[in-house]
């Protein structure tokens, strides 16, 4: 993944840590696109809402798949509200649908005051 040297989160003072080891895994284009869109949504939400001081992004191979984790130490939220209501979590709902249609799993773990972790796991076979 491309990492801008001085993106908006870093300009705000957020420490951004990347853990994206490359083991020569071939990721199909549709899967790579979904991972990119998921990361973009999670990072956008962290920028807009979290007030985080630290953000961790990890991509790792898992059993027959790949996992993306975006975690922050920000304000968190009630994750039960992310998928209901007219004005809550529209981007997260779209992410959930796209990930499910690709045969993957989305987990959003958030608690007010304790940060948010978004985990996307996609199959590669």
C-alpha atoms as a PDB file:
ATOM      1  CA  UNK A   1       0.000   0.000   0.000  1.00  0.00           C
ATOM      2  CA  UNK A   2       1.153   3.519  -0.728  1.00  0.00           C
ATOM      3  CA  UNK A   3       1.933   5.630   2.319  1.00  0.00           C
ATOM      4  CA  UNK A   4       2.021   9.420   1.975  1.00  0.00           C
ATOM      5  CA  UNK A   5       4.866  10.951   3.953  1.00  0.00           C
ATOM      6  CA  UNK A   6       2.818  13.727   5.509  1.00  0.00           C
ATOM      7  CA  UNK A   7      -0.886  12.908   5.182  1.00  0.00           C
ATOM      8  CA  UNK A   8      -3.784  14.581   6.971  1.00  0.00           C
ATOM      9  CA  UNK A   9      -3.638  12.305  10.034  1.00  0.00           C
ATOM     10  CA  UNK A  10       0.051  13.022  10.592  1.00  0.00           C
ATOM     11  CA  UNK A  11      -0.496  16.742   9.995  1.00  0.00           C
ATOM     12  CA  UNK A  12      -3.041  16.569  12.811  1.00  0.00           C
ATOM     13  CA  UNK A  13      -0.433  14.944  15.063  1.00  0.00           C
ATOM     14  CA  UNK A  14      -1.672  11.359  14.866  1.00  0.00           C
ATOM     15  CA  UNK A  15       1.108   8.769  14.951  1.00  0.00           C
ATOM     16  CA  UNK A  16       0.476   6.309  12.122  1.00  0.00           C
ATOM     17  CA  UNK A  17       2.067   2.858  12.349  1.00  0.00           C
ATOM     18  CA  UNK A  18       2.081   0.464   9.380  1.00  0.00           C
ATOM     19  CA  UNK A  19       2.661  -3.273   9.616  1.00  0.00           C
ATOM     20  CA  UNK A  20       2.282  -4.618   6.110  1.00  0.00           C
ATOM     21  CA  UNK A  21       4.843  -7.368   5.570  1.00  0.00           C
ATOM     22  CA  UNK A  22       5.117  -8.635   2.034  1.00  0.00           C
ATOM     23  CA  UNK A  23       5.447 -12.372   1.631  1.00  0.00           C
ATOM     24  CA  UNK A  24       4.912 -12.454  -2.097  1.00  0.00           C
ATOM     25  CA  UNK A  25       1.195 -13.105  -1.718  1.00  0.00           C
ATOM     26  CA  UNK A  26      -0.691 -12.609  -4.941  1.00  0.00           C
ATOM     27  CA  UNK A  27      -3.888 -10.711  -4.230  1.00  0.00           C
ATOM     28  CA  UNK A  28      -6.540 -10.739  -6.981  1.00  0.00           C
ATOM     29  CA  UNK A  29      -7.454  -7.280  -8.280  1.00  0.00           C
ATOM     30  CA  UNK A  30     -11.033  -7.371  -6.960  1.00  0.00           C
ATOM     31  CA  UNK A  31      -9.817  -8.361  -3.486  1.00  0.00           C
ATOM     32  CA  UNK A  32      -7.092  -5.684  -3.524  1.00  0.00           C
ATOM     33  CA  UNK A  33      -9.652  -3.075  -4.559  1.00  0.00           C
ATOM     34  CA  UNK A  34     -11.992  -4.068  -1.723  1.00  0.00           C
ATOM     35  CA  UNK A  35      -9.127  -3.957   0.794  1.00  0.00           C
ATOM     36  CA  UNK A  36      -8.171  -0.501  -0.474  1.00  0.00           C
ATOM     37  CA  UNK A  37     -11.765   0.801  -0.271  1.00  0.00           C
ATOM     38  CA  UNK A  38     -12.169  -0.670   3.224  1.00  0.00           C
ATOM     39  CA  UNK A  39      -8.912   0.887   4.418  1.00  0.00           C
ATOM     40  CA  UNK A  40      -9.893   4.221   2.890  1.00  0.00           C
ATOM     41  CA  UNK A  41     -13.263   4.190   4.699  1.00  0.00           C
ATOM     42  CA  UNK A  42     -11.729   3.196   8.042  1.00  0.00           C
ATOM     43  CA  UNK A  43      -8.985   5.830   7.745  1.00  0.00           C
ATOM     44  CA  UNK A  44     -11.470   8.486   6.654  1.00  0.00           C
ATOM     45  CA  UNK A  45     -13.649   7.726   9.671  1.00  0.00           C
ATOM     46  CA  UNK A  46     -10.624   7.849  11.984  1.00  0.00           C
ATOM     47  CA  UNK A  47      -9.662  11.236  10.541  1.00  0.00           C
ATOM     48  CA  UNK A  48     -13.179  12.683  10.798  1.00  0.00           C
ATOM     49  CA  UNK A  49     -14.362  11.270  14.098  1.00  0.00           C
ATOM     50  CA  UNK A  50     -11.763   9.615  16.320  1.00  0.00           C
ATOM     51  CA  UNK A  51      -9.416  12.383  17.565  1.00  0.00           C
ATOM     52  CA  UNK A  52      -6.908   9.521  17.890  1.00  0.00           C
ATOM     53  CA  UNK A  53      -3.309  10.048  18.915  1.00  0.00           C
ATOM     54  CA  UNK A  54      -2.243   6.681  17.455  1.00  0.00           C
ATOM     55  CA  UNK A  55      -3.471   4.702  14.462  1.00  0.00           C
ATOM     56  CA  UNK A  56      -2.280   1.195  13.566  1.00  0.00           C
ATOM     57  CA  UNK A  57      -2.762  -0.383  10.141  1.00  0.00           C
ATOM     58  CA  UNK A  58      -1.917  -4.032   9.639  1.00  0.00           C
ATOM     59  CA  UNK A  59      -2.276  -6.322   6.642  1.00  0.00           C
ATOM     60  CA  UNK A  60      -1.447  -9.971   7.157  1.00  0.00           C
ATOM     61  CA  UNK A  61      -1.887 -13.332   5.522  1.00  0.00           C
ATOM     62  CA  UNK A  62      -4.285 -15.605   7.378  1.00  0.00           C
ATOM     63  CA  UNK A  63      -5.476 -19.123   6.667  1.00  0.00           C
ATOM     64  CA  UNK A  64      -6.467 -19.011   2.956  1.00  0.00           C
ATOM     65  CA  UNK A  65      -6.976 -15.258   3.051  1.00  0.00           C
ATOM     66  CA  UNK A  66      -5.822 -11.815   3.974  1.00  0.00           C
ATOM     67  CA  UNK A  67      -6.746  -9.641   6.935  1.00  0.00           C
ATOM     68  CA  UNK A  68      -6.713  -5.858   7.206  1.00  0.00           C
ATOM     69  CA  UNK A  69      -6.900  -4.269  10.660  1.00  0.00           C
ATOM     70  CA  UNK A  70      -7.249  -0.519  11.230  1.00  0.00           C
ATOM     71  CA  UNK A  71      -7.190   0.376  14.937  1.00  0.00           C
ATOM     72  CA  UNK A  72      -7.162   3.720  16.714  1.00  0.00           C
ATOM     73  CA  UNK A  73      -7.030   4.917  20.305  1.00  0.00           C
ATOM     74  CA  UNK A  74      -9.584   7.647  19.718  1.00  0.00           C
ATOM     75  CA  UNK A  75     -13.007   8.497  21.043  1.00  0.00           C
ATOM     76  CA  UNK A  76     -14.666   5.271  19.920  1.00  0.00           C
ATOM     77  CA  UNK A  77     -18.421   5.014  19.539  1.00  0.00           C
ATOM     78  CA  UNK A  78     -21.296   2.656  20.142  1.00  0.00           C
ATOM     79  CA  UNK A  79     -20.633   0.155  17.345  1.00  0.00           C
ATOM     80  CA  UNK A  80     -24.233  -1.094  17.543  1.00  0.00           C
ATOM     81  CA  UNK A  81     -25.312   2.244  16.051  1.00  0.00           C
ATOM     82  CA  UNK A  82     -22.934   1.931  13.085  1.00  0.00           C
ATOM     83  CA  UNK A  83     -25.310  -0.224  11.087  1.00  0.00           C
ATOM     84  CA  UNK A  84     -28.694   1.238  12.016  1.00  0.00           C
ATOM     85  CA  UNK A  85     -30.440   4.566  11.628  1.00  0.00           C
ATOM     86  CA  UNK A  86     -30.678   6.883   8.668  1.00  0.00           C
ATOM     87  CA  UNK A  87     -27.677   9.029   9.523  1.00  0.00           C
ATOM     88  CA  UNK A  88     -25.255   6.595  11.096  1.00  0.00           C
ATOM     89  CA  UNK A  89     -22.521   4.519   9.534  1.00  0.00           C
ATOM     90  CA  UNK A  90     -23.557   4.586   5.889  1.00  0.00           C
ATOM     91  CA  UNK A  91     -19.969   3.925   4.772  1.00  0.00           C
ATOM     92  CA  UNK A  92     -19.568   1.111   7.280  1.00  0.00           C
ATOM     93  CA  UNK A  93     -22.823  -0.482   6.129  1.00  0.00           C
ATOM     94  CA  UNK A  94     -21.668  -0.389   2.499  1.00  0.00           C
ATOM     95  CA  UNK A  95     -18.338  -1.873   3.552  1.00  0.00           C
ATOM     96  CA  UNK A  96     -20.147  -4.686   5.387  1.00  0.00           C
ATOM     97  CA  UNK A  97     -22.257  -5.517   2.336  1.00  0.00           C
ATOM     98  CA  UNK A  98     -19.271  -5.500  -0.039  1.00  0.00           C
ATOM     99  CA  UNK A  99     -17.144  -7.646   2.264  1.00  0.00           C
ATOM    100  CA  UNK A 100     -19.976 -10.133   2.806  1.00  0.00           C
ATOM    101  CA  UNK A 101     -20.636 -10.368  -0.953  1.00  0.00           C
ATOM    102  CA  UNK A 102     -16.932 -11.183  -1.435  1.00  0.00           C
ATOM    103  CA  UNK A 103     -17.259 -14.063   1.041  1.00  0.00           C
ATOM    104  CA  UNK A 104     -15.359 -12.230   3.756  1.00  0.00           C
ATOM    105  CA  UNK A 105     -16.033 -10.984   7.251  1.00  0.00           C
ATOM    106  CA  UNK A 106     -16.137  -7.515   8.789  1.00  0.00           C
ATOM    107  CA  UNK A 107     -15.772  -6.911  12.514  1.00  0.00           C
ATOM    108  CA  UNK A 108     -16.162  -3.464  14.041  1.00  0.00           C
ATOM    109  CA  UNK A 109     -15.128  -3.281  17.664  1.00  0.00           C
ATOM    110  CA  UNK A 110     -15.638   0.110  19.281  1.00  0.00           C
ATOM    111  CA  UNK A 111     -16.344   1.422  22.730  1.00  0.00           C
ATOM    112  CA  UNK A 112     -16.947   5.065  23.625  1.00  0.00           C
ATOM    113  CA  UNK A 113     -13.691   6.471  24.993  1.00  0.00           C
ATOM    114  CA  UNK A 114     -11.637   3.382  24.131  1.00  0.00           C
ATOM    115  CA  UNK A 115     -11.061   3.586  20.386  1.00  0.00           C
ATOM    116  CA  UNK A 116     -12.141   1.603  17.370  1.00  0.00           C
ATOM    117  CA  UNK A 117     -10.841  -1.451  15.518  1.00  0.00           C
ATOM    118  CA  UNK A 118     -12.089  -2.343  12.042  1.00  0.00           C
ATOM    119  CA  UNK A 119     -11.088  -5.811  10.814  1.00  0.00           C
ATOM    120  CA  UNK A 120     -11.713  -7.023   7.274  1.00  0.00           C
ATOM    121  CA  UNK A 121     -10.897 -10.628   6.404  1.00  0.00           C
ATOM    122  CA  UNK A 122     -11.162 -11.787   2.790  1.00  0.00           C
ATOM    123  CA  UNK A 123     -10.653 -15.227   1.260  1.00  0.00           C
ATOM    124  CA  UNK A 124      -7.975 -15.589  -1.417  1.00  0.00           C
ATOM    125  CA  UNK A 125      -9.082 -18.950  -2.825  1.00  0.00           C
END
